[in-house]
PDB file of all heavy atoms in Angstrom:
ATOM      1  N   GLU A   1     -20.859   4.266 -12.626  1.00  0.00           N
ATOM      2  CA  GLU A   1     -22.041   5.019 -13.021  1.00  0.00           C
ATOM      3  C   GLU A   1     -21.705   5.728 -14.312  1.00  0.00           C
ATOM      4  O   GLU A   1     -21.015   6.772 -14.312  1.00  0.00           O
ATOM      5  CB  GLU A   1     -22.464   6.031 -11.965  1.00  0.00           C
ATOM      6  CG  GLU A   1     -23.032   5.345 -10.715  1.00  0.00           C
ATOM      7  CD  GLU A   1     -23.594   6.329  -9.727  1.00  0.00           C
ATOM      8  OE1 GLU A   1     -23.999   7.422 -10.125  1.00  0.00           O
ATOM      9  OE2 GLU A   1     -23.588   5.986  -8.503  1.00  0.00           O
ATOM     10  N   GLY A   2     -22.119   5.225 -15.420  1.00  0.00           N
ATOM     11  CA  GLY A   2     -21.807   5.816 -16.714  1.00  0.00           C
ATOM     12  C   GLY A   2     -20.346   5.780 -16.979  1.00  0.00           C
ATOM     13  O   GLY A   2     -19.742   4.714 -17.016  1.00  0.00           O
ATOM     14  N   ASP A   3     -19.723   6.944 -17.188  1.00  0.00           N
ATOM     15  CA  ASP A   3     -18.322   7.073 -17.484  1.00  0.00           C
ATOM     16  C   ASP A   3     -17.480   7.436 -16.260  1.00  0.00           C
ATOM     17  O   ASP A   3     -16.329   7.851 -16.409  1.00  0.00           O
ATOM     18  CB  ASP A   3     -18.116   8.120 -18.604  1.00  0.00           C
ATOM     19  CG  ASP A   3     -18.603   7.650 -19.931  1.00  0.00           C
ATOM     20  OD1 ASP A   3     -18.642   6.437 -20.145  1.00  0.00           O
ATOM     21  OD2 ASP A   3     -18.930   8.500 -20.781  1.00  0.00           O
ATOM     22  N   ARG A   4     -18.010   7.207 -15.058  1.00  0.00           N
ATOM     23  CA  ARG A   4     -17.282   7.489 -13.842  1.00  0.00           C
ATOM     24  C   ARG A   4     -17.286   6.252 -12.980  1.00  0.00           C
ATOM     25  O   ARG A   4     -18.241   5.468 -12.964  1.00  0.00           O
ATOM     26  CB  ARG A   4     -17.898   8.670 -13.112  1.00  0.00           C
ATOM     27  CG  ARG A   4     -17.859   9.956 -13.948  1.00  0.00           C
ATOM     28  CD  ARG A   4     -17.808  11.200 -13.144  1.00  0.00           C
ATOM     29  NE  ARG A   4     -16.746  11.314 -12.146  1.00  0.00           N
ATOM     30  CZ  ARG A   4     -15.536  11.701 -12.407  1.00  0.00           C
ATOM     31  NH1 ARG A   4     -15.128  12.037 -13.597  1.00  0.00           N
ATOM     32  NH2 ARG A   4     -14.668  11.827 -11.415  1.00  0.00           N
ATOM     33  N   ALA A   5     -16.230   6.078 -12.220  1.00  0.00           N
ATOM     34  CA  ALA A   5     -16.127   4.943 -11.316  1.00  0.00           C
ATOM     35  C   ALA A   5     -15.541   5.367  -9.967  1.00  0.00           C
ATOM     36  O   ALA A   5     -14.751   6.348  -9.895  1.00  0.00           O
ATOM     37  CB  ALA A   5     -15.247   3.855 -11.924  1.00  0.00           C
ATOM     38  N   THR A   6     -15.940   4.703  -8.925  1.00  0.00           N
ATOM     39  CA  THR A   6     -15.369   4.876  -7.591  1.00  0.00           C
ATOM     40  C   THR A   6     -14.765   3.534  -7.143  1.00  0.00           C
ATOM     41  O   THR A   6     -15.411   2.509  -7.255  1.00  0.00           O
ATOM     42  CB  THR A   6     -16.416   5.324  -6.584  1.00  0.00           C
ATOM     43  OG1 THR A   6     -16.998   6.563  -7.034  1.00  0.00           O
ATOM     44  CG2 THR A   6     -15.824   5.506  -5.193  1.00  0.00           C
ATOM     45  N   ILE A   7     -13.510   3.555  -6.722  1.00  0.00           N
ATOM     46  CA  ILE A   7     -12.796   2.336  -6.303  1.00  0.00           C
ATOM     47  C   ILE A   7     -12.384   2.535  -4.847  1.00  0.00           C
ATOM     48  O   ILE A   7     -11.831   3.538  -4.478  1.00  0.00           O
ATOM     49  CB  ILE A   7     -11.532   2.143  -7.157  1.00  0.00           C
ATOM     50  CG1 ILE A   7     -11.881   2.117  -8.653  1.00  0.00           C
ATOM     51  CG2 ILE A   7     -10.816   0.867  -6.756  1.00  0.00           C
ATOM     52  CD1 ILE A   7     -11.470   3.367  -9.381  1.00  0.00           C
ATOM     53  N   ARG A   8     -12.694   1.521  -4.037  1.00  0.00           N
ATOM     54  CA  ARG A   8     -12.281   1.502  -2.645  1.00  0.00           C
ATOM     55  C   ARG A   8     -11.560   0.210  -2.373  1.00  0.00           C
ATOM     56  O   ARG A   8     -11.934  -0.873  -2.905  1.00  0.00           O
ATOM     57  CB  ARG A   8     -13.479   1.628  -1.714  1.00  0.00           C
ATOM     58  CG  ARG A   8     -14.192   2.916  -1.804  1.00  0.00           C
ATOM     59  CD  ARG A   8     -15.416   2.959  -0.859  1.00  0.00           C
ATOM     60  NE  ARG A   8     -16.119   4.195  -0.949  1.00  0.00           N
ATOM     61  CZ  ARG A   8     -17.167   4.387  -1.758  1.00  0.00           C
ATOM     62  NH1 ARG A   8     -17.613   3.469  -2.560  1.00  0.00           N
ATOM     63  NH2 ARG A   8     -17.730   5.593  -1.795  1.00  0.00           N
ATOM     64  N   ALA A   9     -10.503   0.215  -1.510  1.00  0.00           N
ATOM     65  CA  ALA A   9      -9.768  -0.985  -1.190  1.00  0.00           C
ATOM     66  C   ALA A   9      -8.951  -0.790   0.087  1.00  0.00           C
ATOM     67  O   ALA A   9      -8.740   0.338   0.527  1.00  0.00           O
ATOM     68  CB  ALA A   9      -8.843  -1.378  -2.304  1.00  0.00           C
ATOM     69  N   HIS A  10      -8.537  -1.866   0.690  1.00  0.00           N
ATOM     70  CA  HIS A  10      -7.644  -1.862   1.820  1.00  0.00           C
ATOM     71  C   HIS A  10      -6.219  -2.120   1.306  1.00  0.00           C
ATOM     72  O   HIS A  10      -6.064  -2.823   0.322  1.00  0.00           O
ATOM     73  CB  HIS A  10      -8.039  -2.933   2.825  1.00  0.00           C
ATOM     74  CG  HIS A  10      -9.374  -2.736   3.429  1.00  0.00           C
ATOM     75  ND1 HIS A  10      -9.556  -1.937   4.534  1.00  0.00           N
ATOM     76  CD2 HIS A  10     -10.582  -3.144   3.082  1.00  0.00           C
ATOM     77  CE1 HIS A  10     -10.850  -1.891   4.820  1.00  0.00           C
ATOM     78  NE2 HIS A  10     -11.483  -2.642   3.966  1.00  0.00           N
ATOM     79  N   LEU A  11      -5.238  -1.572   1.965  1.00  0.00           N
ATOM     80  CA  LEU A  11      -3.837  -1.688   1.500  1.00  0.00           C
ATOM     81  C   LEU A  11      -2.926  -1.936   2.712  1.00  0.00           C
ATOM     82  O   LEU A  11      -3.040  -1.276   3.727  1.00  0.00           O
ATOM     83  CB  LEU A  11      -3.380  -0.405   0.809  1.00  0.00           C
ATOM     84  CG  LEU A  11      -1.954  -0.362   0.349  1.00  0.00           C
ATOM     85  CD1 LEU A  11      -1.736  -1.288  -0.826  1.00  0.00           C
ATOM     86  CD2 LEU A  11      -1.536   1.076   0.002  1.00  0.00           C
ATOM     87  N   THR A  12      -1.996  -2.887   2.513  1.00  0.00           N
ATOM     88  CA  THR A  12      -0.869  -3.096   3.413  1.00  0.00           C
ATOM     89  C   THR A  12       0.371  -3.012   2.497  1.00  0.00           C
ATOM     90  O   THR A  12       0.412  -3.639   1.473  1.00  0.00           O
ATOM     91  CB  THR A  12      -0.963  -4.467   4.095  1.00  0.00           C
ATOM     92  OG1 THR A  12      -2.158  -4.545   4.818  1.00  0.00           O
ATOM     93  CG2 THR A  12       0.227  -4.651   5.072  1.00  0.00           C
ATOM     94  N   ALA A  13       1.380  -2.246   2.967  1.00  0.00           N
ATOM     95  CA  ALA A  13       2.554  -2.103   2.153  1.00  0.00           C
ATOM     96  C   ALA A  13       3.831  -2.184   3.016  1.00  0.00           C
ATOM     97  O   ALA A  13       3.855  -1.546   4.072  1.00  0.00           O
ATOM     98  CB  ALA A  13       2.560  -0.777   1.395  1.00  0.00           C
ATOM     99  N   VAL A  14       4.804  -2.932   2.538  1.00  0.00           N
ATOM    100  CA  VAL A  14       6.101  -3.059   3.246  1.00  0.00           C
ATOM    101  C   VAL A  14       7.155  -2.347   2.345  1.00  0.00           C
ATOM    102  O   VAL A  14       7.236  -2.631   1.151  1.00  0.00           O
ATOM    103  CB  VAL A  14       6.465  -4.534   3.475  1.00  0.00           C
ATOM    104  CG1 VAL A  14       7.796  -4.622   4.152  1.00  0.00           C
ATOM    105  CG2 VAL A  14       5.368  -5.218   4.289  1.00  0.00           C
ATOM    106  N   HIS A  15       7.986  -1.512   2.960  1.00  0.00           N
ATOM    107  CA  HIS A  15       8.998  -0.751   2.260  1.00  0.00           C
ATOM    108  C   HIS A  15      10.372  -1.055   2.886  1.00  0.00           C
ATOM    109  O   HIS A  15      10.534  -0.789   4.070  1.00  0.00           O
ATOM    110  CB  HIS A  15       8.730   0.749   2.337  1.00  0.00           C
ATOM    111  CG  HIS A  15       7.338   1.115   1.833  1.00  0.00           C
ATOM    112  ND1 HIS A  15       6.257   1.011   2.689  1.00  0.00           N
ATOM    113  CD2 HIS A  15       6.921   1.533   0.665  1.00  0.00           C
ATOM    114  CE1 HIS A  15       5.175   1.391   2.033  1.00  0.00           C
ATOM    115  NE2 HIS A  15       5.542   1.709   0.779  1.00  0.00           N
ATOM    116  N   VAL A  16      11.284  -1.600   2.089  1.00  0.00           N
ATOM    117  CA  VAL A  16      12.602  -1.987   2.594  1.00  0.00           C
ATOM    118  C   VAL A  16      13.627  -1.002   2.035  1.00  0.00           C
ATOM    119  O   VAL A  16      13.772  -0.866   0.797  1.00  0.00           O
ATOM    120  CB  VAL A  16      12.933  -3.410   2.130  1.00  0.00           C
ATOM    121  CG1 VAL A  16      14.331  -3.805   2.593  1.00  0.00           C
ATOM    122  CG2 VAL A  16      11.913  -4.399   2.686  1.00  0.00           C
ATOM    123  N   ARG A  17      14.331  -0.296   2.926  1.00  0.00           N
ATOM    124  CA  ARG A  17      15.361   0.675   2.480  1.00  0.00           C
ATOM    125  C   ARG A  17      16.499   0.039   1.733  1.00  0.00           C
ATOM    126  O   ARG A  17      16.890   0.510   0.661  1.00  0.00           O
ATOM    127  CB  ARG A  17      15.939   1.450   3.684  1.00  0.00           C
ATOM    128  CG  ARG A  17      15.040   2.516   4.214  1.00  0.00           C
ATOM    129  CD  ARG A  17      15.780   3.277   5.315  1.00  0.00           C
ATOM    130  NE  ARG A  17      14.812   4.097   5.986  1.00  0.00           N
ATOM    131  CZ  ARG A  17      14.387   5.281   5.492  1.00  0.00           C
ATOM    132  NH1 ARG A  17      14.864   5.742   4.392  1.00  0.00           N
ATOM    133  NH2 ARG A  17      13.456   5.957   6.134  1.00  0.00           N
ATOM    134  N   ARG A  18      17.054  -1.022   2.289  1.00  0.00           N
ATOM    135  CA  ARG A  18      18.215  -1.745   1.679  1.00  0.00           C
ATOM    136  C   ARG A  18      17.881  -3.194   1.524  1.00  0.00           C
ATOM    137  O   ARG A  18      17.551  -3.877   2.495  1.00  0.00           O
ATOM    138  CB  ARG A  18      19.461  -1.533   2.549  1.00  0.00           C
ATOM    139  CG  ARG A  18      20.036  -0.103   2.433  1.00  0.00           C
ATOM    140  CD  ARG A  18      21.203   0.116   3.365  1.00  0.00           C
ATOM    141  NE  ARG A  18      20.854   0.210   4.770  1.00  0.00           N
ATOM    142  CZ  ARG A  18      20.239   1.254   5.312  1.00  0.00           C
ATOM    143  NH1 ARG A  18      19.878   2.299   4.605  1.00  0.00           N
ATOM    144  NH2 ARG A  18      19.987   1.298   6.641  1.00  0.00           N
ATOM    145  N   ALA A  19      17.989  -3.703   0.296  1.00  0.00           N
ATOM    146  CA  ALA A  19      17.670  -5.084   0.014  1.00  0.00           C
ATOM    147  C   ALA A  19      18.485  -6.072   0.882  1.00  0.00           C
ATOM    148  O   ALA A  19      18.020  -7.131   1.263  1.00  0.00           O
ATOM    149  CB  ALA A  19      17.903  -5.374  -1.472  1.00  0.00           C
ATOM    150  N   ALA A  20      19.678  -5.663   1.264  1.00  0.00           N
ATOM    151  CA  ALA A  20      20.524  -6.499   2.095  1.00  0.00           C
ATOM    152  C   ALA A  20      20.043  -6.596   3.517  1.00  0.00           C
ATOM    153  O   ALA A  20      20.529  -7.431   4.302  1.00  0.00           O
ATOM    154  CB  ALA A  20      21.961  -5.978   2.066  1.00  0.00           C
ATOM    155  N   GLU A  21      19.090  -5.700   3.916  1.00  0.00           N
ATOM    156  CA  GLU A  21      18.544  -5.688   5.271  1.00  0.00           C
ATOM    157  C   GLU A  21      17.056  -5.758   5.247  1.00  0.00           C
ATOM    158  O   GLU A  21      16.356  -4.846   5.632  1.00  0.00           O
ATOM    159  CB  GLU A  21      18.980  -4.436   5.987  1.00  0.00           C
ATOM    160  CG  GLU A  21      20.453  -4.269   6.194  1.00  0.00           C
ATOM    161  CD  GLU A  21      20.801  -2.978   6.918  1.00  0.00           C
ATOM    162  OE1 GLU A  21      20.642  -2.929   8.143  1.00  0.00           O
ATOM    163  OE2 GLU A  21      21.190  -2.044   6.219  1.00  0.00           O
ATOM    164  N   PRO A  22      16.445  -6.896   4.759  1.00  0.00           N
ATOM    165  CA  PRO A  22      15.016  -6.971   4.640  1.00  0.00           C
ATOM    166  C   PRO A  22      14.222  -6.925   5.917  1.00  0.00           C
ATOM    167  O   PRO A  22      13.048  -6.605   5.932  1.00  0.00           O
ATOM    168  CB  PRO A  22      14.808  -8.316   3.913  1.00  0.00           C
ATOM    169  CG  PRO A  22      15.997  -9.133   4.286  1.00  0.00           C
ATOM    170  CD  PRO A  22      17.104  -8.146   4.393  1.00  0.00           C
ATOM    171  N   GLY A  23      14.911  -7.168   7.064  1.00  0.00           N
ATOM    172  CA  GLY A  23      14.239  -7.133   8.361  1.00  0.00           C
ATOM    173  C   GLY A  23      13.994  -5.742   8.870  1.00  0.00           C
ATOM    174  O   GLY A  23      13.204  -5.536   9.767  1.00  0.00           O
ATOM    175  N   VAL A  24      14.655  -4.750   8.249  1.00  0.00           N
ATOM    176  CA  VAL A  24      14.461  -3.367   8.607  1.00  0.00           C
ATOM    177  C   VAL A  24      13.563  -2.733   7.538  1.00  0.00           C
ATOM    178  O   VAL A  24      13.965  -2.555   6.426  1.00  0.00           O
ATOM    179  CB  VAL A  24      15.808  -2.597   8.645  1.00  0.00           C
ATOM    180  CG1 VAL A  24      15.584  -1.127   9.003  1.00  0.00           C
ATOM    181  CG2 VAL A  24      16.748  -3.276   9.619  1.00  0.00           C
ATOM    182  N   HIS A  25      12.320  -2.459   7.970  1.00  0.00           N
ATOM    183  CA  HIS A  25      11.372  -1.969   6.989  1.00  0.00           C
ATOM    184  C   HIS A  25      10.357  -0.983   7.608  1.00  0.00           C
ATOM    185  O   HIS A  25      10.207  -0.917   8.809  1.00  0.00           O
ATOM    186  CB  HIS A  25      10.648  -3.121   6.269  1.00  0.00           C
ATOM    187  CG  HIS A  25      10.113  -4.138   7.226  1.00  0.00           C
ATOM    188  ND1 HIS A  25       8.901  -3.987   7.888  1.00  0.00           N
ATOM    189  CD2 HIS A  25      10.575  -5.352   7.620  1.00  0.00           C
ATOM    190  CE1 HIS A  25       8.666  -5.049   8.602  1.00  0.00           C
ATOM    191  NE2 HIS A  25       9.661  -5.886   8.484  1.00  0.00           N
ATOM    192  N   PHE A  26       9.693  -0.289   6.710  1.00  0.00           N
ATOM    193  CA  PHE A  26       8.611   0.634   7.044  1.00  0.00           C
ATOM    194  C   PHE A  26       7.337   0.024   6.492  1.00  0.00           C
ATOM    195  O   PHE A  26       7.243  -0.260   5.302  1.00  0.00           O
ATOM    196  CB  PHE A  26       8.927   2.027   6.403  1.00  0.00           C
ATOM    197  CG  PHE A  26       7.807   3.013   6.516  1.00  0.00           C
ATOM    198  CD1 PHE A  26       7.322   3.425   7.744  1.00  0.00           C
ATOM    199  CD2 PHE A  26       7.237   3.595   5.391  1.00  0.00           C
ATOM    200  CE1 PHE A  26       6.282   4.331   7.866  1.00  0.00           C
ATOM    201  CE2 PHE A  26       6.253   4.522   5.504  1.00  0.00           C
ATOM    202  CZ  PHE A  26       5.757   4.882   6.746  1.00  0.00           C
ATOM    203  N   THR A  27       6.370  -0.225   7.392  1.00  0.00           N
ATOM    204  CA  THR A  27       5.141  -0.926   6.983  1.00  0.00           C
ATOM    205  C   THR A  27       3.978   0.007   7.306  1.00  0.00           C
ATOM    206  O   THR A  27       3.939   0.678   8.318  1.00  0.00           O
ATOM    207  CB  THR A  27       5.027  -2.251   7.768  1.00  0.00           C
ATOM    208  OG1 THR A  27       6.176  -2.990   7.539  1.00  0.00           O
ATOM    209  CG2 THR A  27       3.791  -3.007   7.274  1.00  0.00           C
ATOM    210  N   ILE A  28       2.975   0.020   6.343  1.00  0.00           N
ATOM    211  CA  ILE A  28       1.776   0.843   6.532  1.00  0.00           C
ATOM    212  C   ILE A  28       0.542  -0.005   6.278  1.00  0.00           C
ATOM    213  O   ILE A  28       0.600  -1.021   5.567  1.00  0.00           O
ATOM    214  CB  ILE A  28       1.787   2.064   5.601  1.00  0.00           C
ATOM    215  CG1 ILE A  28       1.762   1.722   4.150  1.00  0.00           C
ATOM    216  CG2 ILE A  28       2.972   2.992   5.890  1.00  0.00           C
ATOM    217  CD1 ILE A  28       1.517   2.832   3.189  1.00  0.00           C
ATOM    218  N   GLY A  29      -0.549   0.450   6.809  1.00  0.00           N
ATOM    219  CA  GLY A  29      -1.848  -0.148   6.524  1.00  0.00           C
ATOM    220  C   GLY A  29      -2.907   0.935   6.497  1.00  0.00           C
ATOM    221  O   GLY A  29      -2.842   1.926   7.240  1.00  0.00           O
ATOM    222  N   GLY A  30      -3.833   0.786   5.641  1.00  0.00           N
ATOM    223  CA  GLY A  30      -4.930   1.763   5.567  1.00  0.00           C
ATOM    224  C   GLY A  30      -5.885   1.398   4.430  1.00  0.00           C
ATOM    225  O   GLY A  30      -5.921   0.250   3.976  1.00  0.00           O
ATOM    226  N   HIS A  31      -6.649   2.354   3.999  1.00  0.00           N
ATOM    227  CA  HIS A  31      -7.557   2.143   2.878  1.00  0.00           C
ATOM    228  C   HIS A  31      -7.562   3.342   1.990  1.00  0.00           C
ATOM    229  O   HIS A  31      -7.176   4.452   2.365  1.00  0.00           O
ATOM    230  CB  HIS A  31      -8.962   1.778   3.377  1.00  0.00           C
ATOM    231  CG  HIS A  31      -9.435   2.617   4.520  1.00  0.00           C
ATOM    232  ND1 HIS A  31     -10.062   3.830   4.383  1.00  0.00           N
ATOM    233  CD2 HIS A  31      -9.322   2.411   5.868  1.00  0.00           C
ATOM    234  CE1 HIS A  31     -10.364   4.328   5.549  1.00  0.00           C
ATOM    235  NE2 HIS A  31      -9.923   3.495   6.470  1.00  0.00           N
ATOM    236  N   TYR A  32      -7.963   3.106   0.785  1.00  0.00           N
ATOM    237  CA  TYR A  32      -8.021   4.254  -0.171  1.00  0.00           C
ATOM    238  C   TYR A  32      -9.302   4.286  -0.954  1.00  0.00           C
ATOM    239  O   TYR A  32     -10.078   3.327  -1.019  1.00  0.00           O
ATOM    240  CB  TYR A  32      -6.832   4.217  -1.126  1.00  0.00           C
ATOM    241  CG  TYR A  32      -6.773   3.047  -2.108  1.00  0.00           C
ATOM    242  CD1 TYR A  32      -7.492   3.086  -3.297  1.00  0.00           C
ATOM    243  CD2 TYR A  32      -5.948   1.964  -1.855  1.00  0.00           C
ATOM    244  CE1 TYR A  32      -7.396   2.059  -4.174  1.00  0.00           C
ATOM    245  CE2 TYR A  32      -5.889   0.907  -2.731  1.00  0.00           C
ATOM    246  CZ  TYR A  32      -6.612   0.960  -3.899  1.00  0.00           C
ATOM    247  OH  TYR A  32      -6.541  -0.076  -4.784  1.00  0.00           O
ATOM    248  N   GLU A  33      -9.589   5.491  -1.447  1.00  0.00           N
ATOM    249  CA  GLU A  33     -10.685   5.693  -2.369  1.00  0.00           C
ATOM    250  C   GLU A  33     -10.170   6.447  -3.578  1.00  0.00           C
ATOM    251  O   GLU A  33      -9.456   7.434  -3.428  1.00  0.00           O
ATOM    252  CB  GLU A  33     -11.814   6.483  -1.674  1.00  0.00           C
ATOM    253  CG  GLU A  33     -13.010   6.648  -2.623  1.00  0.00           C
ATOM    254  CD  GLU A  33     -14.212   7.255  -1.892  1.00  0.00           C
ATOM    255  OE1 GLU A  33     -14.610   6.756  -0.831  1.00  0.00           O
ATOM    256  OE2 GLU A  33     -14.716   8.286  -2.421  1.00  0.00           O
TER     257      GLU A  33
END
């Protein structure tokens, strides 16, 4: 709307503490605005 925008999306993210252990991870899901 003019010079302003609203963005919405769904997100899934995987976070791996140590690259050598990819099976150990913290995963999240949600949505943002």
